[in-house]
C-alpha atoms as a PDB file:
ATOM      1  CA  MET A   1      -0.873  -5.592  -7.392  1.00  0.00           C
ATOM      2  CA  ASN A   2       2.215  -7.319  -7.059  1.00  0.00           C
ATOM      3  CA  VAL A   3       4.249  -6.995  -3.951  1.00  0.00           C
ATOM      4  CA  TRP A   4       7.298  -5.280  -4.694  1.00  0.00           C
ATOM      5  CA  ASP A   5       4.103  -2.356  -5.932  1.00  0.00           C
ATOM      6  CA  THR A   6       2.659  -3.095  -2.610  1.00  0.00           C
ATOM      7  CA  ILE A   7       5.365  -2.535  -0.034  1.00  0.00           C
ATOM      8  CA  GLN A   8       6.430   0.475  -2.676  1.00  0.00           C
ATOM      9  CA  SER A   9       2.890   2.769  -2.498  1.00  0.00           C
ATOM     10  CA  LYS A  10       2.136   1.128   1.776  1.00  0.00           C
ATOM     11  CA  ARG A  11       1.840   4.299   3.427  1.00  0.00           C
ATOM     12  CA  ALA A  12       1.176   4.955   7.471  1.00  0.00           C
ATOM     13  CA  ILE A  13      -2.563   6.142   7.441  1.00  0.00           C
ATOM     14  CA  ARG A  14      -3.434   7.935  10.335  1.00  0.00           C
ATOM     15  CA  GLU A  15      -7.103   9.303   9.263  1.00  0.00           C
ATOM     16  CA  PHE A  16     -10.447   6.714   7.900  1.00  0.00           C
ATOM     17  CA  ARG A  17     -13.480   6.770   6.240  1.00  0.00           C
ATOM     18  CA  ASP A  18     -16.182   6.403   8.535  1.00  0.00           C
ATOM     19  CA  GLU A  19     -17.518   3.428   7.085  1.00  0.00           C
ATOM     20  CA  PRO A  20     -17.225  -0.248   8.014  1.00  0.00           C
ATOM     21  CA  LEU A  21     -14.281  -2.575   6.049  1.00  0.00           C
ATOM     22  CA  GLN A  22     -15.941  -5.517   4.231  1.00  0.00           C
ATOM     23  CA  PRO A  23     -16.413  -8.813   6.403  1.00  0.00           C
ATOM     24  CA  ALA A  24     -14.324 -10.534   3.087  1.00  0.00           C
ATOM     25  CA  HIS A  25     -11.167  -8.243   3.983  1.00  0.00           C
ATOM     26  CA  ILE A  26     -11.199  -8.509   7.385  1.00  0.00           C
ATOM     27  CA  GLU A  27     -10.855 -12.167   7.049  1.00  0.00           C
ATOM     28  CA  ARG A  28      -8.404 -11.520   4.056  1.00  0.00           C
ATOM     29  CA  ILE A  29      -5.954  -9.714   6.918  1.00  0.00           C
ATOM     30  CA  LEU A  30      -6.503 -11.628   9.611  1.00  0.00           C
ATOM     31  CA  ASN A  31      -5.054 -15.183   7.764  1.00  0.00           C
ATOM     32  CA  ALA A  32      -2.595 -12.961   6.384  1.00  0.00           C
ATOM     33  CA  GLY A  33      -1.661 -12.362   9.730  1.00  0.00           C
ATOM     34  CA  ARG A  34      -1.977 -16.398  10.017  1.00  0.00           C
ATOM     35  CA  ARG A  35       0.222 -17.251   7.727  1.00  0.00           C
ATOM     36  CA  ALA A  36       3.416 -15.407   7.918  1.00  0.00           C
ATOM     37  CA  GLN A  37       6.170 -17.100   9.334  1.00  0.00           C
ATOM     38  CA  SER A  38       7.600 -17.919  12.627  1.00  0.00           C
ATOM     39  CA  SER A  39      10.477 -18.921  15.018  1.00  0.00           C
ATOM     40  CA  LYS A  40       9.940 -22.620  15.203  1.00  0.00           C
ATOM     41  CA  ASN A  41       6.751 -22.380  13.785  1.00  0.00           C
ATOM     42  CA  SER A  42       5.589 -21.219  17.513  1.00  0.00           C
ATOM     43  CA  GLN A  43       3.280 -19.079  15.555  1.00  0.00           C
ATOM     44  CA  PRO A  44       3.379 -17.557  19.168  1.00  0.00           C
ATOM     45  CA  TRP A  45       0.189 -14.709  17.770  1.00  0.00           C
ATOM     46  CA  HIS A  46      -3.241 -14.035  19.320  1.00  0.00           C
ATOM     47  CA  PHE A  47      -5.369 -11.659  17.369  1.00  0.00           C
ATOM     48  CA  ILE A  48      -8.495  -9.600  18.268  1.00  0.00           C
ATOM     49  CA  ALA A  49     -10.516  -8.041  16.104  1.00  0.00           C
ATOM     50  CA  VAL A  50     -12.245  -4.431  17.695  1.00  0.00           C
ATOM     51  CA  GLN A  51     -14.810  -2.783  15.215  1.00  0.00           C
ATOM     52  CA  ASP A  52     -16.582  -1.439  18.247  1.00  0.00           C
ATOM     53  CA  LYS A  53     -16.361   2.335  18.820  1.00  0.00           C
ATOM     54  CA  ARG A  54     -16.311   2.099  22.455  1.00  0.00           C
ATOM     55  CA  ARG A  55     -14.059   0.010  22.810  1.00  0.00           C
ATOM     56  CA  LEU A  56     -11.412   1.306  19.855  1.00  0.00           C
ATOM     57  CA  ALA A  57     -11.451   4.926  22.107  1.00  0.00           C
ATOM     58  CA  GLN A  58     -10.651   2.996  25.161  1.00  0.00           C
ATOM     59  CA  LEU A  59      -7.916   1.068  23.127  1.00  0.00           C
ATOM     60  CA  ALA A  60      -6.131   4.450  21.962  1.00  0.00           C
ATOM     61  CA  GLN A  61      -6.291   5.933  25.838  1.00  0.00           C
ATOM     62  CA  LEU A  62      -4.212   3.277  26.443  1.00  0.00           C
ATOM     63  CA  GLY A  63      -1.017   4.408  24.120  1.00  0.00           C
ATOM     64  CA  ALA A  64       0.483   7.792  23.378  1.00  0.00           C
ATOM     65  CA  GLY A  65       0.092   9.118  19.543  1.00  0.00           C
ATOM     66  CA  MET A  66      -2.885   5.940  18.770  1.00  0.00           C
ATOM     67  CA  GLY A  67      -5.446   8.745  18.184  1.00  0.00           C
ATOM     68  CA  HIS A  68      -6.095   6.914  14.577  1.00  0.00           C
ATOM     69  CA  VAL A  69      -7.237   3.630  16.745  1.00  0.00           C
ATOM     70  CA  ALA A  70     -10.825   5.320  17.569  1.00  0.00           C
ATOM     71  CA  GLY A  71     -11.452   6.270  13.548  1.00  0.00           C
ATOM     72  CA  ALA A  72     -10.701   2.925  12.574  1.00  0.00           C
ATOM     73  CA  ALA A  73     -13.046   1.024  11.294  1.00  0.00           C
ATOM     74  CA  LEU A  74     -11.278  -2.118  13.038  1.00  0.00           C
ATOM     75  CA  CYS A  75      -8.204  -2.847  15.232  1.00  0.00           C
ATOM     76  CA  VAL A  76      -6.332  -5.986  15.258  1.00  0.00           C
ATOM     77  CA  VAL A  77      -4.735  -6.604  18.852  1.00  0.00           C
ATOM     78  CA  ILE A  78      -1.576  -8.550  18.873  1.00  0.00           C
ATOM     79  CA  VAL A  79      -1.619 -10.607  21.947  1.00  0.00           C
ATOM     80  CA  VAL A  80       1.365 -12.918  22.708  1.00  0.00           C
ATOM     81  CA  PRO A  81       2.203 -14.899  25.593  1.00  0.00           C
ATOM     82  CA  THR A  82       3.876 -13.121  28.290  1.00  0.00           C
ATOM     83  CA  GLU A  83       7.520 -13.295  28.994  1.00  0.00           C
ATOM     84  CA  ASN A  84       9.502 -16.211  28.768  1.00  0.00           C
ATOM     85  CA  GLU A  85      12.694 -17.171  27.492  1.00  0.00           C
ATOM     86  CA  ARG A  86      11.449 -16.588  23.878  1.00  0.00           C
ATOM     87  CA  THR A  87       9.808 -13.092  24.194  1.00  0.00           C
ATOM     88  CA  LEU A  88      12.444 -11.217  21.517  1.00  0.00           C
ATOM     89  CA  TRP A  89      10.946 -14.149  19.267  1.00  0.00           C
ATOM     90  CA  HIS A  90       7.330 -13.889  20.019  1.00  0.00           C
ATOM     91  CA  PHE A  91       7.678 -10.969  19.501  1.00  0.00           C
ATOM     92  CA  PHE A  92       9.860 -10.262  16.453  1.00  0.00           C
ATOM     93  CA  ASP A  93       7.532 -13.277  15.115  1.00  0.00           C
ATOM     94  CA  SER A  94       4.505 -10.699  15.349  1.00  0.00           C
ATOM     95  CA  GLY A  95       6.008  -7.564  13.392  1.00  0.00           C
ATOM     96  CA  GLN A  96       6.168 -10.095  11.092  1.00  0.00           C
ATOM     97  CA  SER A  97       2.368 -10.978  11.231  1.00  0.00           C
ATOM     98  CA  ALA A  98       1.250  -7.551  11.454  1.00  0.00           C
ATOM     99  CA  ALA A  99       3.436  -7.147   8.160  1.00  0.00           C
ATOM    100  CA  TYR A 100       1.997  -9.273   6.250  1.00  0.00           C
ATOM    101  CA  MET A 101      -1.426  -7.995   7.395  1.00  0.00           C
ATOM    102  CA  GLN A 102      -0.751  -4.515   6.508  1.00  0.00           C
ATOM    103  CA  LEU A 103       0.537  -5.335   3.044  1.00  0.00           C
ATOM    104  CA  ALA A 104      -3.060  -7.672   2.501  1.00  0.00           C
ATOM    105  CA  ALA A 105      -4.730  -4.667   3.248  1.00  0.00           C
ATOM    106  CA  THR A 106      -2.720  -2.648   1.461  1.00  0.00           C
ATOM    107  CA  GLU A 107      -3.163  -4.129  -1.416  1.00  0.00           C
ATOM    108  CA  LEU A 108      -7.404  -4.058  -0.562  1.00  0.00           C
ATOM    109  CA  GLY A 109      -7.268  -0.205  -0.387  1.00  0.00           C
ATOM    110  CA  ILE A 110      -7.720  -0.520   3.051  1.00  0.00           C
ATOM    111  CA  GLY A 111      -4.978   2.325   4.744  1.00  0.00           C
ATOM    112  CA  SER A 112      -3.247   1.017   8.003  1.00  0.00           C
ATOM    113  CA  CYS A 113      -1.362   2.187  11.388  1.00  0.00           C
ATOM    114  CA  LEU A 114       0.720   0.227  13.639  1.00  0.00           C
ATOM    115  CA  GLY A 115       0.191   1.686  17.412  1.00  0.00           C
ATOM    116  CA  THR A 116       1.991   0.732  20.695  1.00  0.00           C
ATOM    117  CA  ILE A 117       0.051   0.325  24.125  1.00  0.00           C
ATOM    118  CA  TYR A 118       2.216   1.521  27.264  1.00  0.00           C
ATOM    119  CA  GLN A 119      -0.752   0.563  30.021  1.00  0.00           C
ATOM    120  CA  PRO A 120      -0.791  -3.406  28.716  1.00  0.00           C
ATOM    121  CA  ASP A 121      -2.698  -4.371  32.131  1.00  0.00           C
ATOM    122  CA  GLU A 122      -5.730  -1.891  31.580  1.00  0.00           C
ATOM    123  CA  ALA A 123      -5.759  -3.410  28.205  1.00  0.00           C
ATOM    124  CA  ARG A 124      -5.800  -6.670  29.574  1.00  0.00           C
ATOM    125  CA  ASP A 125      -8.881  -5.893  31.405  1.00  0.00           C
ATOM    126  CA  LEU A 126     -10.885  -3.840  28.359  1.00  0.00           C
ATOM    127  CA  LEU A 127     -10.156  -7.413  25.827  1.00  0.00           C
ATOM    128  CA  GLY A 128     -10.310  -9.690  28.876  1.00  0.00           C
ATOM    129  CA  ILE A 129      -6.707 -11.100  28.130  1.00  0.00           C
ATOM    130  CA  PRO A 130      -6.133 -13.645  29.348  1.00  0.00           C
ATOM    131  CA  GLY A 131      -3.596 -13.850  32.676  1.00  0.00           C
ATOM    132  CA  ASP A 132      -0.924 -15.595  30.924  1.00  0.00           C
ATOM    133  CA  HIS A 133      -0.157 -13.410  27.404  1.00  0.00           C
ATOM    134  CA  GLN A 134      -0.226  -9.971  27.747  1.00  0.00           C
ATOM    135  CA  THR A 135       0.190  -7.124  24.541  1.00  0.00           C
ATOM    136  CA  ARG A 136       1.854  -4.078  23.446  1.00  0.00           C
ATOM    137  CA  LEU A 137       0.862  -3.804  19.579  1.00  0.00           C
ATOM    138  CA  VAL A 138      -1.855  -3.222  17.874  1.00  0.00           C
ATOM    139  CA  ILE A 139      -2.762  -1.735  14.706  1.00  0.00           C
ATOM    140  CA  SER A 140      -5.508   0.122  12.724  1.00  0.00           C
ATOM    141  CA  PHE A 141      -7.527  -0.471   9.399  1.00  0.00           C
ATOM    142  CA  GLY A 142     -10.058   1.504   7.693  1.00  0.00           C
ATOM    143  CA  TYR A 143     -10.511   3.069   4.366  1.00  0.00           C
ATOM    144  CA  PRO A 144      -8.004   6.139   3.805  1.00  0.00           C
ATOM    145  CA  ALA A 145      -9.695   9.675   4.272  1.00  0.00           C
ATOM    146  CA  ASP A 146      -7.555  11.115   1.130  1.00  0.00           C
ATOM    147  CA  ALA A 147      -6.510   9.160  -0.822  1.00  0.00           C
ATOM    148  CA  LYS A 148      -3.703  10.938  -2.059  1.00  0.00           C
ATOM    149  CA  GLY A 149      -2.265  10.547   0.775  1.00  0.00           C
ATOM    150  CA  ALA A 150      -2.621   6.948   0.787  1.00  0.00           C
ATOM    151  CA  SER A 151      -0.730   6.728  -2.653  1.00  0.00           C
ATOM    152  CA  GLY A 152       0.854   9.300  -3.183  1.00  0.00           C
ATOM    153  CA  PRO A 153       4.750  10.618  -2.364  1.00  0.00           C
ATOM    154  CA  LEU A 154       6.889  10.350   0.403  1.00  0.00           C
ATOM    155  CA  ARG A 155       6.809  13.457   3.014  1.00  0.00           C
ATOM    156  CA  ALA A 156       9.675  14.877   2.791  1.00  0.00           C
ATOM    157  CA  GLY A 157      12.129  12.569   5.184  1.00  0.00           C
ATOM    158  CA  GLY A 158      11.114   9.714   4.533  1.00  0.00           C
ATOM    159  CA  ARG A 159      13.086   6.332   3.202  1.00  0.00           C
ATOM    160  CA  ARG A 160      16.816   6.558   4.505  1.00  0.00           C
ATOM    161  CA  LEU A 161      18.688   5.816   1.275  1.00  0.00           C
ATOM    162  CA  TYR A 162      19.769   2.814  -0.023  1.00  0.00           C
ATOM    163  CA  ASP A 163      23.103   3.954   0.344  1.00  0.00           C
ATOM    164  CA  ASP A 164      22.934   4.335   3.744  1.00  0.00           C
ATOM    165  CA  VAL A 165      21.475   1.127   4.979  1.00  0.00           C
ATOM    166  CA  ALA A 166      23.080  -1.737   2.608  1.00  0.00           C
ATOM    167  CA  HIS A 167      26.421  -3.007   4.043  1.00  0.00           C
ATOM    168  CA  TRP A 168      28.322  -5.391   2.503  1.00  0.00           C
ATOM    169  CA  GLU A 169      30.358  -8.263   4.233  1.00  0.00           C
ATOM    170  CA  THR A 170      31.519  -5.753   6.441  1.00  0.00           C
ATOM    171  CA  TRP A 171      29.800  -2.050   7.962  1.00  0.00           C
END
């Protein structure tokens, strides 16, 4: 699958089959995130790969709308340094690493969905995150429960039109 086809076929998948991911696929996903570009090549991220069902269920409780995490085969928790003068860049760079991981997963036939942690202190305790680091972003991964939903047409209200978002020279 080429990059454009992967981008075109990427959907947020929130329901997964009860099937573990292949270790080689997990490694590929994590390596895709590791290979993402970052501001000044800072590579501020660490990834915590969570597969334990009990821990996934606990993580799912730490943000609104994160039920997909409990049913995932894998959840990647992205960890960055605590707040400092580069925090905005750390989060921007983390978003790029997340996109790389999701595109790599899509190419492998693995679905994914982003989640936001609203209770970072509880996540720190649950995952043993050092005090000089924080997390707000997770990605659930798994084989889609409904194969049609993973590649079917976008739902009504999907993507905004090109002419509504692309501006030339000025707004």
